[in-house]
Amino acid sequence: MKCDAKTFAQMYEAVYKDMYRFALCMMKNRQEAEDTVSEAVVAAYENIRKLRNEEAFKNWIFTILSNVCRKRLKKAAKEQVHSREDMISRIPSQEMELGIAVDVRKAFFLLEEEEQMIVGLSVFGGYNSQEIGKALKMNPNTVRSKRSRALQKMECVLR
């Protein structure tokens, strides 16, 4: 797809908040979320010619973002060994300026990485199981099952 900087900026502006929310939930840190979104946007801009259809922009850029998140999380896991509880207790409350309740945040962080990815893409990205399955290379039925189990886990924690 041919795209100038102005067109790219307009398409990006429409999805920025959802991208940031998703990255914040995945990265658990405001600065990391901003850096992750920035890295994904640069990669998207550099590869915009690979996008065939402007209507697919949101799905395409969220796929890039989820891959960047996964890469950064794997790198961080290799560099530091911290329990999930330590990570939760180190997150300043101002990072939740987007209105996500602390209890919901803690429940989300107790999920496995794959579960976080599925719930995040579903809730913040607005993707259906077919789209998530394609992005994560999973059967859509598997995505629905994992999303359902992940939400049940969160519900148990929130009770």
C-alpha atoms as a PDB file:
ATOM      1  CA  MET A   1       0.000   0.000   0.000  1.00  0.00           C
ATOM      2  CA  LYS A   2       1.277   3.446  -0.802  1.00  0.00           C
ATOM      3  CA  CYS A   3       1.003   5.685   2.205  1.00  0.00           C
ATOM      4  CA  ASP A   4       2.396   9.101   3.031  1.00  0.00           C
ATOM      5  CA  ALA A   5       3.304  10.226   6.532  1.00  0.00           C
ATOM      6  CA  LYS A   6       0.062  12.180   6.954  1.00  0.00           C
ATOM      7  CA  THR A   7      -2.129   9.177   6.076  1.00  0.00           C
ATOM      8  CA  PHE A   8      -0.111   6.924   8.375  1.00  0.00           C
ATOM      9  CA  ALA A   9      -0.442   9.450  11.206  1.00  0.00           C
ATOM     10  CA  GLN A  10      -4.234   9.577  10.739  1.00  0.00           C
ATOM     11  CA  MET A  11      -4.567   5.788  10.811  1.00  0.00           C
ATOM     12  CA  TYR A  12      -2.249   5.580  13.841  1.00  0.00           C
ATOM     13  CA  GLU A  13      -4.145   8.286  15.713  1.00  0.00           C
ATOM     14  CA  ALA A  14      -7.304   6.186  15.480  1.00  0.00           C
ATOM     15  CA  VAL A  15      -5.687   3.231  17.285  1.00  0.00           C
ATOM     16  CA  TYR A  16      -3.083   4.829  19.583  1.00  0.00           C
ATOM     17  CA  LYS A  17      -5.095   4.689  22.817  1.00  0.00           C
ATOM     18  CA  ASP A  18      -6.009   1.022  22.322  1.00  0.00           C
ATOM     19  CA  MET A  19      -2.380   0.206  21.514  1.00  0.00           C
ATOM     20  CA  TYR A  20      -1.155   1.991  24.633  1.00  0.00           C
ATOM     21  CA  ARG A  21      -3.716   0.270  26.885  1.00  0.00           C
ATOM     22  CA  PHE A  22      -2.770  -3.118  25.477  1.00  0.00           C
ATOM     23  CA  ALA A  23       0.961  -2.431  25.862  1.00  0.00           C
ATOM     24  CA  LEU A  24       0.473  -1.113  29.408  1.00  0.00           C
ATOM     25  CA  CYS A  25      -1.330  -4.274  30.456  1.00  0.00           C
ATOM     26  CA  MET A  26       1.273  -6.474  28.806  1.00  0.00           C
ATOM     27  CA  MET A  27       4.398  -4.600  29.889  1.00  0.00           C
ATOM     28  CA  LYS A  28       3.141  -3.603  33.369  1.00  0.00           C
ATOM     29  CA  ASN A  29       5.089  -0.348  33.212  1.00  0.00           C
ATOM     30  CA  ARG A  30       4.206   2.999  31.656  1.00  0.00           C
ATOM     31  CA  GLN A  31       7.668   3.676  30.203  1.00  0.00           C
ATOM     32  CA  GLU A  32       7.964   0.154  28.775  1.00  0.00           C
ATOM     33  CA  ALA A  33       4.482   0.471  27.282  1.00  0.00           C
ATOM     34  CA  GLU A  34       5.382   3.762  25.606  1.00  0.00           C
ATOM     35  CA  ASP A  35       8.652   2.319  24.301  1.00  0.00           C
ATOM     36  CA  THR A  36       6.893  -0.782  23.019  1.00  0.00           C
ATOM     37  CA  VAL A  37       4.249   1.246  21.193  1.00  0.00           C
ATOM     38  CA  SER A  38       6.973   3.458  19.715  1.00  0.00           C
ATOM     39  CA  GLU A  39       8.945   0.458  18.502  1.00  0.00           C
ATOM     40  CA  ALA A  40       5.832  -1.069  16.957  1.00  0.00           C
ATOM     41  CA  VAL A  41       4.906   2.181  15.217  1.00  0.00           C
ATOM     42  CA  VAL A  42       8.390   2.583  13.757  1.00  0.00           C
ATOM     43  CA  ALA A  43       8.294  -1.010  12.502  1.00  0.00           C
ATOM     44  CA  ALA A  44       4.827  -0.449  11.030  1.00  0.00           C
ATOM     45  CA  TYR A  45       5.855   2.768   9.310  1.00  0.00           C
ATOM     46  CA  GLU A  46       8.962   1.143   7.857  1.00  0.00           C
ATOM     47  CA  ASN A  47       6.869  -1.738   6.523  1.00  0.00           C
ATOM     48  CA  ILE A  48       3.672   0.078   5.521  1.00  0.00           C
ATOM     49  CA  ARG A  49       4.179  -0.965   1.893  1.00  0.00           C
ATOM     50  CA  LYS A  50       3.487  -4.564   3.000  1.00  0.00           C
ATOM     51  CA  LEU A  51      -0.025  -3.611   4.107  1.00  0.00           C
ATOM     52  CA  ARG A  52      -2.348  -4.338   1.221  1.00  0.00           C
ATOM     53  CA  ASN A  53      -5.582  -2.904   2.545  1.00  0.00           C
ATOM     54  CA  GLU A  54      -6.044   0.239   4.625  1.00  0.00           C
ATOM     55  CA  GLU A  55      -9.021  -1.348   6.434  1.00  0.00           C
ATOM     56  CA  ALA A  56      -6.668  -4.009   7.833  1.00  0.00           C
ATOM     57  CA  PHE A  57      -4.409  -1.398   9.471  1.00  0.00           C
ATOM     58  CA  LYS A  58      -5.662  -1.918  13.041  1.00  0.00           C
ATOM     59  CA  ASN A  59      -5.302  -5.700  12.896  1.00  0.00           C
ATOM     60  CA  TRP A  60      -1.906  -5.390  11.206  1.00  0.00           C
ATOM     61  CA  ILE A  61      -0.436  -2.870  13.669  1.00  0.00           C
ATOM     62  CA  PHE A  62      -1.794  -4.801  16.690  1.00  0.00           C
ATOM     63  CA  THR A  63      -0.085  -7.936  15.363  1.00  0.00           C
ATOM     64  CA  ILE A  64       3.169  -5.984  15.197  1.00  0.00           C
ATOM     65  CA  LEU A  65       2.577  -4.608  18.707  1.00  0.00           C
ATOM     66  CA  SER A  66       1.845  -8.031  20.196  1.00  0.00           C
ATOM     67  CA  ASN A  67       5.018  -9.410  18.607  1.00  0.00           C
ATOM     68  CA  VAL A  68       7.079  -6.521  20.011  1.00  0.00           C
ATOM     69  CA  CYS A  69       5.531  -7.080  23.455  1.00  0.00           C
ATOM     70  CA  ARG A  70       6.337 -10.795  23.322  1.00  0.00           C
ATOM     71  CA  LYS A  71       9.917 -10.121  22.241  1.00  0.00           C
ATOM     72  CA  ARG A  72      10.480  -7.573  25.007  1.00  0.00           C
ATOM     73  CA  LEU A  73       8.875  -9.799  27.650  1.00  0.00           C
ATOM     74  CA  LYS A  74      11.061 -12.744  26.682  1.00  0.00           C
ATOM     75  CA  LYS A  75      14.148 -10.541  26.797  1.00  0.00           C
ATOM     76  CA  ALA A  76      13.156  -9.157  30.196  1.00  0.00           C
ATOM     77  CA  ALA A  77      12.514 -12.660  31.533  1.00  0.00           C
ATOM     78  CA  LYS A  78      16.034 -13.685  30.570  1.00  0.00           C
ATOM     79  CA  GLU A  79      17.580 -10.589  32.152  1.00  0.00           C
ATOM     80  CA  GLN A  80      15.661 -10.600  35.418  1.00  0.00           C
ATOM     81  CA  VAL A  81      14.044 -13.292  37.501  1.00  0.00           C
ATOM     82  CA  HIS A  82      11.225 -11.833  39.537  1.00  0.00           C
ATOM     83  CA  SER A  83       8.078 -13.453  40.776  1.00  0.00           C
ATOM     84  CA  ARG A  84       4.768 -12.138  39.468  1.00  0.00           C
ATOM     85  CA  GLU A  85       3.947 -10.921  42.967  1.00  0.00           C
ATOM     86  CA  ASP A  86       7.103  -8.780  43.054  1.00  0.00           C
ATOM     87  CA  MET A  87       6.196  -7.262  39.723  1.00  0.00           C
ATOM     88  CA  ILE A  88       2.699  -6.415  40.910  1.00  0.00           C
ATOM     89  CA  SER A  89       3.923  -4.791  44.114  1.00  0.00           C
ATOM     90  CA  ARG A  90       6.466  -2.639  42.221  1.00  0.00           C
ATOM     91  CA  ILE A  91       3.921  -1.032  39.885  1.00  0.00           C
ATOM     92  CA  PRO A  92       3.129   2.535  40.926  1.00  0.00           C
ATOM     93  CA  SER A  93      -0.563   3.285  41.160  1.00  0.00           C
ATOM     94  CA  GLN A  94      -0.282   6.321  38.861  1.00  0.00           C
ATOM     95  CA  GLU A  95       0.429   3.935  35.982  1.00  0.00           C
ATOM     96  CA  MET A  96      -3.190   2.942  36.095  1.00  0.00           C
ATOM     97  CA  GLU A  97      -4.300   6.420  35.057  1.00  0.00           C
ATOM     98  CA  LEU A  98      -6.447   4.824  32.352  1.00  0.00           C
ATOM     99  CA  GLY A  99      -8.971   3.760  34.965  1.00  0.00           C
ATOM    100  CA  ILE A 100      -8.109   0.067  35.322  1.00  0.00           C
ATOM    101  CA  ALA A 101      -8.881  -0.987  38.878  1.00  0.00           C
ATOM    102  CA  VAL A 102      -5.988  -2.297  40.953  1.00  0.00           C
ATOM    103  CA  ASP A 103      -7.744  -5.582  41.673  1.00  0.00           C
ATOM    104  CA  VAL A 104      -8.443  -6.196  37.986  1.00  0.00           C
ATOM    105  CA  ARG A 105      -4.823  -5.349  37.186  1.00  0.00           C
ATOM    106  CA  LYS A 106      -3.574  -7.857  39.750  1.00  0.00           C
ATOM    107  CA  ALA A 107      -5.923 -10.533  38.431  1.00  0.00           C
ATOM    108  CA  PHE A 108      -4.706  -9.848  34.881  1.00  0.00           C
ATOM    109  CA  PHE A 109      -1.051 -10.140  35.932  1.00  0.00           C
ATOM    110  CA  LEU A 110      -1.683 -13.519  37.541  1.00  0.00           C
ATOM    111  CA  LEU A 111      -2.567 -14.950  34.130  1.00  0.00           C
ATOM    112  CA  GLU A 112       0.031 -16.734  32.051  1.00  0.00           C
ATOM    113  CA  GLU A 113       1.653 -14.682  29.272  1.00  0.00           C
ATOM    114  CA  GLU A 114      -0.389 -16.372  26.541  1.00  0.00           C
ATOM    115  CA  GLU A 115      -3.608 -15.776  28.486  1.00  0.00           C
ATOM    116  CA  GLN A 116      -2.676 -12.119  28.953  1.00  0.00           C
ATOM    117  CA  MET A 117      -2.054 -11.821  25.217  1.00  0.00           C
ATOM    118  CA  ILE A 118      -5.448 -13.352  24.354  1.00  0.00           C
ATOM    119  CA  VAL A 119      -7.412 -11.317  26.903  1.00  0.00           C
ATOM    120  CA  GLY A 120      -5.520  -8.144  25.992  1.00  0.00           C
ATOM    121  CA  LEU A 121      -6.116  -8.527  22.259  1.00  0.00           C
ATOM    122  CA  SER A 122      -9.762  -9.303  22.912  1.00  0.00           C
ATOM    123  CA  VAL A 123     -10.502  -6.570  25.443  1.00  0.00           C
ATOM    124  CA  PHE A 124      -8.176  -3.734  24.382  1.00  0.00           C
ATOM    125  CA  GLY A 125      -7.774  -4.525  20.721  1.00  0.00           C
ATOM    126  CA  GLY A 126     -11.369  -5.551  20.132  1.00  0.00           C
ATOM    127  CA  TYR A 127     -10.339  -8.609  18.143  1.00  0.00           C
ATOM    128  CA  ASN A 128     -12.484 -11.696  17.773  1.00  0.00           C
ATOM    129  CA  SER A 129     -11.230 -15.260  18.236  1.00  0.00           C
ATOM    130  CA  GLN A 130     -10.690 -15.702  14.494  1.00  0.00           C
ATOM    131  CA  GLU A 131      -8.396 -12.649  14.312  1.00  0.00           C
ATOM    132  CA  ILE A 132      -6.553 -13.543  17.519  1.00  0.00           C
ATOM    133  CA  GLY A 133      -6.105 -17.109  16.299  1.00  0.00           C
ATOM    134  CA  LYS A 134      -4.589 -15.861  13.076  1.00  0.00           C
ATOM    135  CA  ALA A 135      -2.233 -13.464  14.902  1.00  0.00           C
ATOM    136  CA  LEU A 136      -1.115 -16.072  17.461  1.00  0.00           C
ATOM    137  CA  LYS A 137      -1.223 -19.023  15.060  1.00  0.00           C
ATOM    138  CA  MET A 138      -3.947 -20.830  17.015  1.00  0.00           C
ATOM    139  CA  ASN A 139      -7.255 -22.432  16.210  1.00  0.00           C
ATOM    140  CA  PRO A 140     -10.095 -19.945  16.926  1.00  0.00           C
ATOM    141  CA  ASN A 141     -11.812 -22.554  19.123  1.00  0.00           C
ATOM    142  CA  THR A 142      -8.642 -22.834  21.205  1.00  0.00           C
ATOM    143  CA  VAL A 143      -8.556 -19.046  21.533  1.00  0.00           C
ATOM    144  CA  ARG A 144     -12.174 -19.010  22.766  1.00  0.00           C
ATOM    145  CA  SER A 145     -11.448 -21.771  25.302  1.00  0.00           C
ATOM    146  CA  LYS A 146      -8.293 -20.091  26.595  1.00  0.00           C
ATOM    147  CA  ARG A 147     -10.013 -16.694  26.787  1.00  0.00           C
ATOM    148  CA  SER A 148     -12.920 -18.215  28.699  1.00  0.00           C
ATOM    149  CA  ARG A 149     -10.629 -20.012  31.161  1.00  0.00           C
ATOM    150  CA  ALA A 150      -8.497 -16.887  31.616  1.00  0.00           C
ATOM    151  CA  LEU A 151     -11.557 -14.760  32.367  1.00  0.00           C
ATOM    152  CA  GLN A 152     -12.786 -17.416  34.826  1.00  0.00           C
ATOM    153  CA  LYS A 153      -9.406 -17.285  36.591  1.00  0.00           C
ATOM    154  CA  MET A 154      -9.660 -13.521  36.822  1.00  0.00           C
ATOM    155  CA  GLU A 155     -13.221 -13.800  38.133  1.00  0.00           C
ATOM    156  CA  CYS A 156     -12.103 -16.210  40.880  1.00  0.00           C
ATOM    157  CA  VAL A 157      -9.372 -13.790  41.974  1.00  0.00           C
ATOM    158  CA  LEU A 158     -11.783 -10.863  41.973  1.00  0.00           C
ATOM    159  CA  ARG A 159     -14.370 -12.581  44.198  1.00  0.00           C
END
